[in-house]
Every structure is written in C-alpha cells, then in structure tokens.
Amino acid sequence: MMFAGLLEIFFHLIPIAVIVWVSSTLVFRRKWSDEIFWIGALLISLYEPLTQIGGLKAMGILPNLFWAVIMFAFIYLANLVPLFLFRRYGFMGNLVFRLTFYSLWHIIWPLIWF
C-alpha cells in the first residue's frame, strides 16, 4: 500500500499540482485551470508507458508492434484513469484505483495465468 501511495504522490499528485498551479495561477492568471489540468493529465500519463514499453522491448517480452501498441494503450489508460478519479473524487479515488489495479495485475492475474 505504501508503494501505491508513493507512486500516486510522486508520479501524479505533485506533477499535476505543479503544472496546474504554475500554468493557471502564474501564467494565465487563474484562467483555464480545467483545461490545463486535462492537458497536464494527458502529458503526465505518457511518462510510465514510454519507459515501460522500452524496458519490455529490451527484455524481448513484446514480440511485435501490435503488442507494443496494446501494452502502451493499457499502461496509458492505467495512468490516465487515476488522474480522472483524482479530479472527480480526490486523492482516495486514485489511491483505491491504484491498489485495485495492483491487486489484479500483479497478484491475481499471475496466480491465474502461471
């Protein structure tokens, strides 16, 4: 649980807060904060898929471009959904999503698959 909380804080909460605060408050004088949030969310969500796909490709786990695109989309959505939940429900929304996602992806799925 601690890792999921730290990931949400360092990968999502701090970057989106800084982007919205600097852009909306300092640059645009308290205008367009919703639009800036969503642009920031789309950009922040790109970080993990770009790093993960490179690592998966280097390890030989992704056999072709089709699977790379599928995994990129899956990881991208897994990073965009928590930011939507953060905007809608606050920090607990994205933390509960992250814990559920980790439970399914890293614990339950490997038990079923392997």
N, C-alpha and C. Protein backbone atom coordinates (compact mmCIF):
# COMPACT_ATOMS: atom_id res chain seq x y z
N MET A 1 0.82 -1.19 0.00
CA MET A 1 0.00 0.00 0.00
C MET A 1 0.87 1.26 0.00
N MET A 2 1.98 1.19 0.69
CA MET A 2 2.84 2.36 0.76
C MET A 2 3.40 2.71 -0.61
N PHE A 3 3.78 1.68 -1.39
CA PHE A 3 4.32 1.92 -2.72
C PHE A 3 3.29 2.57 -3.63
N ALA A 4 2.05 2.10 -3.56
CA ALA A 4 0.98 2.68 -4.39
C ALA A 4 0.76 4.14 -4.03
N GLY A 5 0.77 4.45 -2.75
CA GLY A 5 0.60 5.83 -2.32
C GLY A 5 1.75 6.71 -2.77
N LEU A 6 2.97 6.22 -2.64
CA LEU A 6 4.13 6.99 -3.09
C LEU A 6 4.12 7.20 -4.61
N LEU A 7 3.73 6.17 -5.34
CA LEU A 7 3.65 6.30 -6.79
C LEU A 7 2.63 7.36 -7.18
N GLU A 8 1.48 7.35 -6.54
CA GLU A 8 0.46 8.34 -6.86
C GLU A 8 0.91 9.75 -6.49
N ILE A 9 1.61 9.87 -5.39
CA ILE A 9 2.08 11.20 -4.97
C ILE A 9 3.16 11.72 -5.91
N PHE A 10 4.18 10.91 -6.20
CA PHE A 10 5.31 11.39 -6.98
C PHE A 10 5.09 11.40 -8.48
N PHE A 11 4.26 10.48 -8.99
CA PHE A 11 4.04 10.43 -10.44
C PHE A 11 2.81 11.20 -10.89
N HIS A 12 1.85 11.41 -9.99
CA HIS A 12 0.62 12.07 -10.40
C HIS A 12 0.31 13.34 -9.62
N LEU A 13 0.26 13.26 -8.31
CA LEU A 13 -0.21 14.37 -7.49
C LEU A 13 0.72 15.59 -7.57
N ILE A 14 1.99 15.40 -7.35
CA ILE A 14 2.93 16.53 -7.37
C ILE A 14 3.05 17.12 -8.79
N PRO A 15 3.27 16.31 -9.82
CA PRO A 15 3.39 16.92 -11.15
C PRO A 15 2.13 17.66 -11.60
N ILE A 16 0.95 17.10 -11.38
CA ILE A 16 -0.27 17.77 -11.84
C ILE A 16 -0.52 19.04 -11.03
N ALA A 17 -0.22 19.01 -9.75
CA ALA A 17 -0.40 20.21 -8.93
C ALA A 17 0.54 21.31 -9.37
N VAL A 18 1.78 20.96 -9.66
CA VAL A 18 2.75 21.97 -10.11
C VAL A 18 2.36 22.52 -11.47
N ILE A 19 1.98 21.65 -12.39
CA ILE A 19 1.59 22.11 -13.73
C ILE A 19 0.39 23.05 -13.67
N VAL A 20 -0.64 22.65 -12.93
CA VAL A 20 -1.85 23.48 -12.85
C VAL A 20 -1.55 24.78 -12.11
N TRP A 21 -0.81 24.71 -11.03
CA TRP A 21 -0.52 25.92 -10.26
C TRP A 21 0.31 26.91 -11.07
N VAL A 22 1.41 26.42 -11.66
CA VAL A 22 2.28 27.33 -12.41
C VAL A 22 1.55 27.89 -13.64
N SER A 23 0.91 27.02 -14.39
CA SER A 23 0.25 27.47 -15.62
C SER A 23 -0.97 28.33 -15.35
N SER A 24 -1.84 27.83 -14.51
CA SER A 24 -3.11 28.53 -14.28
C SER A 24 -2.94 29.80 -13.45
N THR A 25 -2.19 29.72 -12.38
CA THR A 25 -2.07 30.86 -11.48
C THR A 25 -1.04 31.88 -11.95
N LEU A 26 0.14 31.42 -12.29
CA LEU A 26 1.20 32.36 -12.62
C LEU A 26 1.16 32.84 -14.06
N VAL A 27 0.85 31.97 -15.00
CA VAL A 27 0.91 32.35 -16.41
C VAL A 27 -0.41 32.92 -16.90
N PHE A 28 -1.51 32.21 -16.66
CA PHE A 28 -2.80 32.61 -17.22
C PHE A 28 -3.70 33.34 -16.22
N ARG A 29 -3.20 33.69 -15.06
CA ARG A 29 -3.92 34.48 -14.05
C ARG A 29 -5.28 33.90 -13.69
N ARG A 30 -5.25 32.65 -13.21
CA ARG A 30 -6.42 31.93 -12.70
C ARG A 30 -7.49 31.65 -13.77
N LYS A 31 -7.06 31.45 -14.98
CA LYS A 31 -7.96 31.09 -16.06
C LYS A 31 -7.60 29.69 -16.57
N TRP A 32 -8.57 29.03 -17.12
CA TRP A 32 -8.39 27.75 -17.81
C TRP A 32 -7.78 26.65 -16.95
N SER A 33 -8.08 26.61 -15.67
CA SER A 33 -7.48 25.57 -14.82
C SER A 33 -7.97 24.17 -15.19
N ASP A 34 -9.24 24.04 -15.60
CA ASP A 34 -9.73 22.71 -16.01
C ASP A 34 -9.02 22.22 -17.27
N GLU A 35 -8.90 23.09 -18.25
CA GLU A 35 -8.23 22.70 -19.48
C GLU A 35 -6.76 22.38 -19.24
N ILE A 36 -6.11 23.16 -18.41
CA ILE A 36 -4.70 22.91 -18.09
C ILE A 36 -4.55 21.59 -17.33
N PHE A 37 -5.49 21.30 -16.45
CA PHE A 37 -5.44 20.02 -15.73
C PHE A 37 -5.47 18.86 -16.72
N TRP A 38 -6.40 18.89 -17.67
CA TRP A 38 -6.54 17.77 -18.60
C TRP A 38 -5.37 17.66 -19.57
N ILE A 39 -4.84 18.78 -20.01
CA ILE A 39 -3.64 18.73 -20.85
C ILE A 39 -2.48 18.15 -20.05
N GLY A 40 -2.32 18.60 -18.81
CA GLY A 40 -1.28 18.04 -17.94
C GLY A 40 -1.49 16.57 -17.67
N ALA A 41 -2.74 16.15 -17.46
CA ALA A 41 -3.03 14.74 -17.21
C ALA A 41 -2.67 13.88 -18.41
N LEU A 42 -2.99 14.37 -19.61
CA LEU A 42 -2.64 13.61 -20.82
C LEU A 42 -1.13 13.48 -20.97
N LEU A 43 -0.40 14.54 -20.65
CA LEU A 43 1.06 14.50 -20.78
C LEU A 43 1.72 13.68 -19.68
N ILE A 44 1.26 13.84 -18.44
CA ILE A 44 1.83 13.08 -17.32
C ILE A 44 1.60 11.58 -17.50
N SER A 45 0.45 11.22 -18.06
CA SER A 45 0.13 9.81 -18.26
C SER A 45 1.03 9.14 -19.29
N LEU A 46 1.74 9.92 -20.08
CA LEU A 46 2.65 9.36 -21.09
C LEU A 46 3.96 8.84 -20.49
N TYR A 47 4.35 9.33 -19.33
CA TYR A 47 5.66 9.01 -18.78
C TYR A 47 5.86 7.51 -18.56
N GLU A 48 4.97 6.89 -17.81
CA GLU A 48 5.17 5.47 -17.49
C GLU A 48 5.09 4.57 -18.72
N PRO A 49 4.11 4.73 -19.62
CA PRO A 49 4.10 3.84 -20.79
C PRO A 49 5.36 3.96 -21.65
N LEU A 50 5.86 5.17 -21.81
CA LEU A 50 7.07 5.33 -22.62
C LEU A 50 8.26 4.60 -22.01
N THR A 51 8.39 4.67 -20.69
CA THR A 51 9.51 3.98 -20.04
C THR A 51 9.28 2.47 -19.98
N GLN A 52 8.06 2.05 -19.73
CA GLN A 52 7.75 0.62 -19.62
C GLN A 52 7.90 -0.11 -20.96
N ILE A 53 7.41 0.51 -22.03
CA ILE A 53 7.48 -0.15 -23.34
C ILE A 53 8.93 -0.34 -23.77
N GLY A 54 9.77 0.64 -23.50
CA GLY A 54 11.20 0.48 -23.81
C GLY A 54 11.82 -0.68 -23.06
N GLY A 55 11.49 -0.81 -21.79
CA GLY A 55 12.02 -1.92 -20.98
C GLY A 55 11.49 -3.27 -21.43
N LEU A 56 10.19 -3.32 -21.72
CA LEU A 56 9.60 -4.58 -22.18
C LEU A 56 10.17 -5.00 -23.53
N LYS A 57 10.42 -4.04 -24.39
CA LYS A 57 11.00 -4.32 -25.71
C LYS A 57 12.44 -4.83 -25.54
N ALA A 58 13.20 -4.20 -24.65
CA ALA A 58 14.59 -4.61 -24.42
C ALA A 58 14.67 -6.02 -23.84
N MET A 59 13.69 -6.41 -23.02
CA MET A 59 13.68 -7.74 -22.43
C MET A 59 13.15 -8.80 -23.39
N GLY A 60 12.61 -8.37 -24.53
CA GLY A 60 12.09 -9.32 -25.50
C GLY A 60 10.69 -9.82 -25.19
N ILE A 61 9.99 -9.14 -24.31
CA ILE A 61 8.65 -9.56 -23.92
C ILE A 61 7.62 -9.17 -24.98
N LEU A 62 7.85 -8.08 -25.68
CA LEU A 62 6.94 -7.63 -26.73
C LEU A 62 7.41 -8.18 -28.08
N PRO A 63 6.70 -9.15 -28.64
CA PRO A 63 7.19 -9.79 -29.87
C PRO A 63 7.07 -8.92 -31.12
N ASN A 64 6.07 -8.02 -31.16
CA ASN A 64 5.89 -7.21 -32.36
C ASN A 64 5.23 -5.88 -32.02
N LEU A 65 5.03 -5.06 -33.03
CA LEU A 65 4.48 -3.72 -32.85
C LEU A 65 3.05 -3.75 -32.33
N PHE A 66 2.27 -4.74 -32.75
CA PHE A 66 0.89 -4.85 -32.29
C PHE A 66 0.81 -4.92 -30.77
N TRP A 67 1.60 -5.81 -30.17
CA TRP A 67 1.57 -5.96 -28.72
C TRP A 67 2.16 -4.76 -28.01
N ALA A 68 3.11 -4.09 -28.65
CA ALA A 68 3.66 -2.86 -28.06
C ALA A 68 2.58 -1.77 -27.99
N VAL A 69 1.79 -1.65 -29.05
CA VAL A 69 0.71 -0.66 -29.06
C VAL A 69 -0.37 -1.01 -28.03
N ILE A 70 -0.72 -2.28 -27.93
CA ILE A 70 -1.73 -2.72 -26.96
C ILE A 70 -1.24 -2.44 -25.54
N MET A 71 -0.01 -2.79 -25.24
CA MET A 71 0.52 -2.56 -23.89
C MET A 71 0.66 -1.07 -23.60
N PHE A 72 1.07 -0.29 -24.60
CA PHE A 72 1.16 1.16 -24.43
C PHE A 72 -0.21 1.73 -24.07
N ALA A 73 -1.24 1.34 -24.80
CA ALA A 73 -2.60 1.84 -24.53
C ALA A 73 -3.07 1.42 -23.14
N PHE A 74 -2.80 0.17 -22.77
CA PHE A 74 -3.22 -0.33 -21.46
C PHE A 74 -2.53 0.44 -20.33
N ILE A 75 -1.23 0.63 -20.44
CA ILE A 75 -0.48 1.34 -19.39
C ILE A 75 -0.86 2.82 -19.38
N TYR A 76 -1.09 3.39 -20.55
CA TYR A 76 -1.50 4.80 -20.63
C TYR A 76 -2.84 5.01 -19.93
N LEU A 77 -3.80 4.14 -20.21
CA LEU A 77 -5.10 4.25 -19.54
C LEU A 77 -5.00 4.00 -18.04
N ALA A 78 -4.10 3.09 -17.65
CA ALA A 78 -3.91 2.83 -16.23
C ALA A 78 -3.29 4.02 -15.51
N ASN A 79 -2.74 4.96 -16.24
CA ASN A 79 -2.21 6.19 -15.65
C ASN A 79 -3.16 7.37 -15.81
N LEU A 80 -4.01 7.34 -16.82
CA LEU A 80 -4.95 8.43 -17.04
C LEU A 80 -6.18 8.30 -16.15
N VAL A 81 -6.65 7.09 -15.94
CA VAL A 81 -7.84 6.88 -15.10
C VAL A 81 -7.63 7.39 -13.67
N PRO A 82 -6.50 7.14 -13.02
CA PRO A 82 -6.33 7.69 -11.67
C PRO A 82 -6.37 9.21 -11.63
N LEU A 83 -5.89 9.86 -12.68
CA LEU A 83 -5.96 11.32 -12.69
C LEU A 83 -7.40 11.80 -12.86
N PHE A 84 -8.20 11.09 -13.64
CA PHE A 84 -9.62 11.39 -13.72
C PHE A 84 -10.28 11.22 -12.36
N LEU A 85 -9.96 10.11 -11.70
CA LEU A 85 -10.54 9.85 -10.37
C LEU A 85 -10.07 10.88 -9.35
N PHE A 86 -8.82 11.32 -9.47
CA PHE A 86 -8.32 12.36 -8.58
C PHE A 86 -9.11 13.65 -8.78
N ARG A 87 -9.36 14.02 -10.01
CA ARG A 87 -10.11 15.24 -10.29
C ARG A 87 -11.55 15.13 -9.80
N ARG A 88 -12.12 13.95 -9.91
CA ARG A 88 -13.53 13.76 -9.55
C ARG A 88 -13.74 13.51 -8.06
N TYR A 89 -12.88 12.65 -7.45
CA TYR A 89 -13.12 12.18 -6.08
C TYR A 89 -12.02 12.53 -5.08
N GLY A 90 -10.93 13.09 -5.53
CA GLY A 90 -9.84 13.40 -4.62
C GLY A 90 -8.80 12.30 -4.58
N PHE A 91 -7.87 12.44 -3.66
CA PHE A 91 -6.73 11.53 -3.60
C PHE A 91 -7.13 10.09 -3.33
N MET A 92 -8.15 9.87 -2.52
CA MET A 92 -8.56 8.49 -2.21
C MET A 92 -9.08 7.77 -3.45
N GLY A 93 -9.66 8.49 -4.39
CA GLY A 93 -10.15 7.87 -5.62
C GLY A 93 -9.03 7.23 -6.41
N ASN A 94 -7.95 7.98 -6.62
CA ASN A 94 -6.86 7.38 -7.40
C ASN A 94 -6.05 6.38 -6.58
N LEU A 95 -6.00 6.53 -5.28
CA LEU A 95 -5.30 5.55 -4.46
C LEU A 95 -6.03 4.20 -4.45
N VAL A 96 -7.35 4.23 -4.33
CA VAL A 96 -8.13 2.98 -4.36
C VAL A 96 -8.00 2.32 -5.73
N PHE A 97 -8.04 3.13 -6.80
CA PHE A 97 -7.84 2.55 -8.14
C PHE A 97 -6.49 1.88 -8.25
N ARG A 98 -5.43 2.55 -7.79
CA ARG A 98 -4.08 2.01 -7.90
C ARG A 98 -3.94 0.71 -7.11
N LEU A 99 -4.50 0.67 -5.91
CA LEU A 99 -4.43 -0.56 -5.10
C LEU A 99 -5.21 -1.70 -5.76
N THR A 100 -6.37 -1.39 -6.31
CA THR A 100 -7.16 -2.40 -7.01
C THR A 100 -6.42 -2.89 -8.25
N PHE A 101 -5.88 -1.95 -9.01
CA PHE A 101 -5.13 -2.30 -10.22
C PHE A 101 -3.94 -3.19 -9.88
N TYR A 102 -3.17 -2.83 -8.87
CA TYR A 102 -2.02 -3.64 -8.48
C TYR A 102 -2.45 -5.02 -8.00
N SER A 103 -3.54 -5.09 -7.26
CA SER A 103 -4.03 -6.39 -6.80
C SER A 103 -4.38 -7.29 -7.97
N LEU A 104 -5.07 -6.72 -8.95
CA LEU A 104 -5.46 -7.53 -10.10
C LEU A 104 -4.29 -7.86 -11.02
N TRP A 105 -3.48 -6.86 -11.35
CA TRP A 105 -2.44 -7.03 -12.35
C TRP A 105 -1.21 -7.76 -11.82
N HIS A 106 -0.83 -7.51 -10.58
CA HIS A 106 0.42 -8.07 -10.05
C HIS A 106 0.22 -9.26 -9.12
N ILE A 107 -1.00 -9.51 -8.65
CA ILE A 107 -1.21 -10.63 -7.73
C ILE A 107 -2.18 -11.65 -8.30
N ILE A 108 -3.40 -11.24 -8.62
CA ILE A 108 -4.42 -12.20 -9.05
C ILE A 108 -4.14 -12.74 -10.45
N TRP A 109 -3.84 -11.86 -11.42
CA TRP A 109 -3.59 -12.32 -12.77
C TRP A 109 -2.41 -13.30 -12.85
N PRO A 110 -1.27 -13.04 -12.22
CA PRO A 110 -0.19 -14.04 -12.28
C PRO A 110 -0.57 -15.37 -11.63
N LEU A 111 -1.39 -15.33 -10.59
CA LEU A 111 -1.81 -16.58 -9.96
C LEU A 111 -2.68 -17.40 -10.92
N ILE A 112 -3.50 -16.74 -11.69
CA ILE A 112 -4.37 -17.43 -12.64
C ILE A 112 -3.57 -17.87 -13.87
N TRP A 113 -2.73 -16.98 -14.39
CA TRP A 113 -2.01 -17.24 -15.65
C TRP A 113 -0.90 -18.27 -15.49
N PHE A 114 -0.15 -18.16 -14.40
CA PHE A 114 1.01 -19.04 -14.23
C PHE A 114 0.65 -20.14 -13.28
